[in-house]
Protein backbone atom coordinates (compact mmCIF):
# COMPACT_ATOMS: atom_id res chain seq x y z
CA MET A 1 39.62 10.43 9.85
CA HIS A 2 37.88 11.99 12.83
CA THR A 3 35.50 9.90 14.93
CA TYR A 4 32.86 10.66 17.53
CA PRO A 5 32.50 8.43 20.61
CA ILE A 6 28.90 7.56 21.39
CA HIS A 7 27.10 5.43 23.99
CA ILE A 8 24.06 3.65 22.48
CA ALA A 9 21.94 0.89 24.04
CA GLY A 10 24.62 0.12 26.63
CA LEU A 11 27.41 -0.07 24.04
CA GLU A 12 30.25 2.24 23.08
CA ARG A 13 31.04 2.94 19.44
CA GLN A 14 33.24 5.34 17.46
CA LEU A 15 31.28 6.93 14.61
CA PRO A 16 33.35 8.11 11.64
CA ILE A 17 32.70 11.77 10.84
CA CYS A 18 31.80 12.10 7.16
CA ARG A 19 31.41 15.08 4.85
CA VAL A 20 27.92 15.70 3.44
CA THR A 21 28.59 19.23 2.13
CA ASP A 22 31.44 21.72 2.59
CA ASP A 23 29.90 22.95 5.84
CA LEU A 24 28.00 19.85 7.02
CA TYR A 25 29.60 16.76 8.51
CA ILE A 26 27.76 13.93 10.22
CA GLY A 27 28.63 11.04 12.49
CA ALA A 28 27.97 7.97 10.34
CA PHE A 29 25.89 5.43 12.24
CA ILE A 30 26.01 2.13 10.38
CA CYS A 31 24.81 -1.02 12.07
CA PHE A 32 25.36 -3.26 9.02
CA GLY A 33 27.65 -6.06 10.16
CA ASP A 34 27.47 -5.09 13.85
CA ALA A 35 25.19 -7.81 15.21
CA GLU A 36 25.79 -6.83 18.85
CA LEU A 37 24.74 -3.23 18.18
CA THR A 38 21.73 -4.26 16.09
CA VAL A 39 20.40 -6.60 18.79
CA ALA A 40 20.95 -4.05 21.58
CA CYS A 41 19.38 -1.15 19.67
CA ALA A 42 16.37 -3.24 18.65
CA ARG A 43 15.81 -4.24 22.29
CA GLU A 44 15.95 -0.63 23.47
CA LEU A 45 13.77 0.68 20.61
CA LEU A 46 11.07 -1.84 21.55
CA LYS A 47 11.07 -0.40 25.08
CA LEU A 48 10.21 3.03 23.61
CA ALA A 49 7.04 1.71 21.98
CA PRO A 50 5.15 -1.11 23.69
CA ALA A 51 3.84 -3.78 21.29
CA GLU A 52 0.22 -3.00 22.22
CA SER A 53 0.63 0.56 20.87
CA TYR A 54 1.04 -0.51 17.21
CA ASP A 55 0.04 -3.23 14.75
CA TYR A 56 2.99 -3.10 12.35
CA LEU A 57 6.51 -1.73 12.01
CA LEU A 58 7.65 0.23 8.93
CA THR A 59 11.04 1.56 7.89
CA ALA A 60 12.66 2.88 4.72
CA GLU A 61 15.40 0.87 3.05
CA ALA A 62 18.23 0.28 3.52
CA LYS A 63 20.28 0.96 6.66
CA SER A 64 17.36 0.25 9.01
CA ILE A 65 16.53 -3.19 7.59
CA PRO A 66 18.63 -5.17 10.11
CA LEU A 67 17.09 -3.15 12.95
CA ILE A 68 13.47 -3.65 11.89
CA HIS A 69 14.08 -7.35 11.34
CA GLU A 70 15.59 -7.70 14.81
CA MET A 71 12.76 -5.67 16.36
CA ALA A 72 10.24 -8.00 14.72
CA ARG A 73 12.16 -11.08 15.85
CA GLN A 74 12.44 -9.87 19.45
CA SER A 75 8.79 -8.76 19.64
CA GLY A 76 7.39 -11.86 17.94
CA ALA A 77 5.93 -9.84 15.05
CA LYS A 78 5.09 -12.02 12.06
CA LYS A 79 5.25 -9.18 9.52
CA TYR A 80 6.99 -5.85 9.07
CA PHE A 81 7.19 -3.48 6.12
CA ILE A 82 10.02 -1.86 4.23
CA ALA A 83 9.44 1.16 2.01
CA ARG A 84 11.64 0.40 -0.98
CA LYS A 85 13.61 2.98 -2.96
CA GLY A 86 12.34 1.61 -6.25
CA PRO A 87 9.44 -0.48 -7.52
CA LYS A 88 10.15 -4.21 -7.62
CA ALA A 89 8.76 -6.79 -10.04
CA TYR A 90 7.03 -8.58 -7.16
CA MET A 91 5.10 -5.44 -6.13
CA PRO A 92 1.56 -5.41 -7.49
CA ASP A 93 0.38 -1.89 -8.39
CA PRO A 94 2.89 -0.10 -6.11
CA ILE A 95 2.10 3.19 -4.39
CA HIS A 96 4.85 5.76 -3.82
CA VAL A 97 5.82 9.11 -2.32
CA GLU A 98 8.89 11.31 -2.77
CA ASP A 99 11.61 11.64 -0.16
CA THR A 100 14.59 13.94 0.37
CA SER A 101 17.34 12.80 2.74
CA ILE A 102 20.65 14.44 3.61
CA THR A 103 22.50 11.15 3.08
CA THR A 104 21.00 10.46 -0.38
CA ALA A 105 21.73 12.74 -3.32
CA GLY A 106 18.63 14.35 -4.83
CA THR A 107 15.04 13.29 -4.49
CA GLN A 108 14.16 9.64 -4.16
CA ARG A 109 10.89 7.77 -4.05
CA LEU A 110 9.66 5.28 -1.48
CA TYR A 111 7.41 2.43 -2.66
CA LEU A 112 5.08 -0.13 -1.15
CA GLY A 113 3.30 -2.83 -3.10
CA ARG A 114 -0.48 -2.54 -3.14
CA ASP A 115 -0.70 -5.83 -1.20
CA ASP A 116 1.39 -4.40 1.64
CA ALA A 117 -0.46 -1.06 1.47
CA ASP A 118 -3.76 -2.91 1.80
CA MET A 119 -2.50 -4.66 4.94
CA LEU A 120 -1.73 -1.24 6.49
CA ARG A 121 -5.22 0.18 5.86
CA GLY A 122 -6.79 1.05 9.21
CA LYS A 123 -3.77 -0.26 11.15
CA ARG A 124 -1.50 1.53 13.64
CA VAL A 125 2.00 1.75 12.21
CA LEU A 126 5.19 2.42 14.18
CA LEU A 127 7.75 4.22 12.02
CA MET A 128 11.35 3.31 12.73
CA ASP A 129 14.59 4.73 11.38
CA ASP A 130 18.22 4.44 12.34
CA VAL A 131 18.91 8.20 12.31
CA ILE A 132 16.45 11.06 12.01
CA SER A 133 18.03 14.32 10.94
CA THR A 134 16.02 16.63 8.70
CA GLY A 135 12.99 14.36 8.98
CA GLY A 136 12.65 13.98 5.19
CA SER A 137 12.59 10.18 5.20
CA LEU A 138 10.30 10.15 8.22
CA HIS A 139 7.89 12.55 6.50
CA ALA A 140 7.88 10.37 3.39
CA MET A 141 7.06 7.29 5.50
CA GLU A 142 4.23 9.24 7.16
CA GLU A 143 2.85 10.13 3.72
CA LEU A 144 3.16 6.52 2.57
CA VAL A 145 1.22 5.27 5.61
CA ALA A 146 -1.47 7.91 5.00
CA LEU A 147 -1.66 6.98 1.30
CA ALA A 148 -2.14 3.35 2.33
CA GLY A 149 -4.91 4.35 4.76
CA GLY A 150 -2.92 3.53 7.89
CA ILE A 151 -2.41 5.50 11.08
CA VAL A 152 1.02 6.57 12.34
CA ALA A 153 1.17 5.26 15.91
CA GLY A 154 4.61 6.63 16.74
CA ARG A 155 8.11 7.37 15.57
CA VAL A 156 11.30 5.83 16.98
CA ALA A 157 14.94 6.12 16.00
CA VAL A 158 18.27 5.02 17.33
CA LEU A 159 19.69 8.54 16.95
CA ALA A 160 18.23 12.02 16.57
CA GLU A 161 20.68 14.26 14.76
CA GLY A 162 20.90 18.03 14.95
CA ASP A 163 17.52 19.77 15.34
CA ALA A 164 15.65 16.44 15.31
CA GLN A 165 16.67 16.14 18.98
CA LYS A 166 14.19 18.92 19.76
CA ARG A 167 11.19 17.17 18.17
CA GLU A 168 8.66 15.94 20.71
CA ASP A 169 7.03 13.46 18.29
CA ILE A 170 10.14 11.26 18.06
CA LYS A 171 11.45 8.87 20.69
CA PHE A 172 15.14 8.07 20.30
CA LEU A 173 17.94 6.31 22.12
CA ALA A 174 20.64 8.98 21.90
CA PRO A 175 21.29 12.44 20.46
CA LEU A 176 23.87 12.94 17.72
CA PRO A 177 25.36 16.36 17.03
CA LEU A 178 26.40 17.75 13.66
CA PHE A 179 30.10 18.43 13.09
CA ASN A 180 32.59 20.85 11.59
CA ALA A 181 35.24 19.71 9.12
CA ASP A 182 37.83 19.42 11.93
CA GLY A 183 35.64 16.95 13.85
CA THR A 184 34.45 19.41 16.48
CA VAL A 185 30.77 19.63 17.35
CA LYS A 186 28.94 22.35 15.41
CA GLY A 187 27.83 25.26 17.58
CA GLU A 188 30.22 24.56 20.47
């Protein structure tokens, strides 16, 4: 398996290069189980968005959950929100939007319980994701915040992949290229 060396938040990691389609390969950034990386990335993400610039943090499940939890812990936030991929029994009258992501097959929905949505009404919400590529998940989170009556205060990610690196509305820690099947960087 090919890997891609990357420097993130003062740490070095080797990302496995994984096939998405016949002509699209990505560097898989997974912080599950990597406590050192999660803590370091959370610290650096918080530097991109000062606490006074937002009221709440929001991410989409699942890979970003350790990061948002660590960001909340480090910043002293008492509450953060996770847009779930399905309605849960504990969610009263959930709201939802549709999402398309390159790492999830087909269209998925993102849900928030009405109680959480009500807490976001009129509040500034910082959107956080581990990797932003096509922006599908990010767009769905933006729609969910709008549906709840909140205000998107900013967008942060650990990595911006492919064309997302060119977006001026996203702050990120490091760029991540797309790859060819042989592990070489696309377009080089």
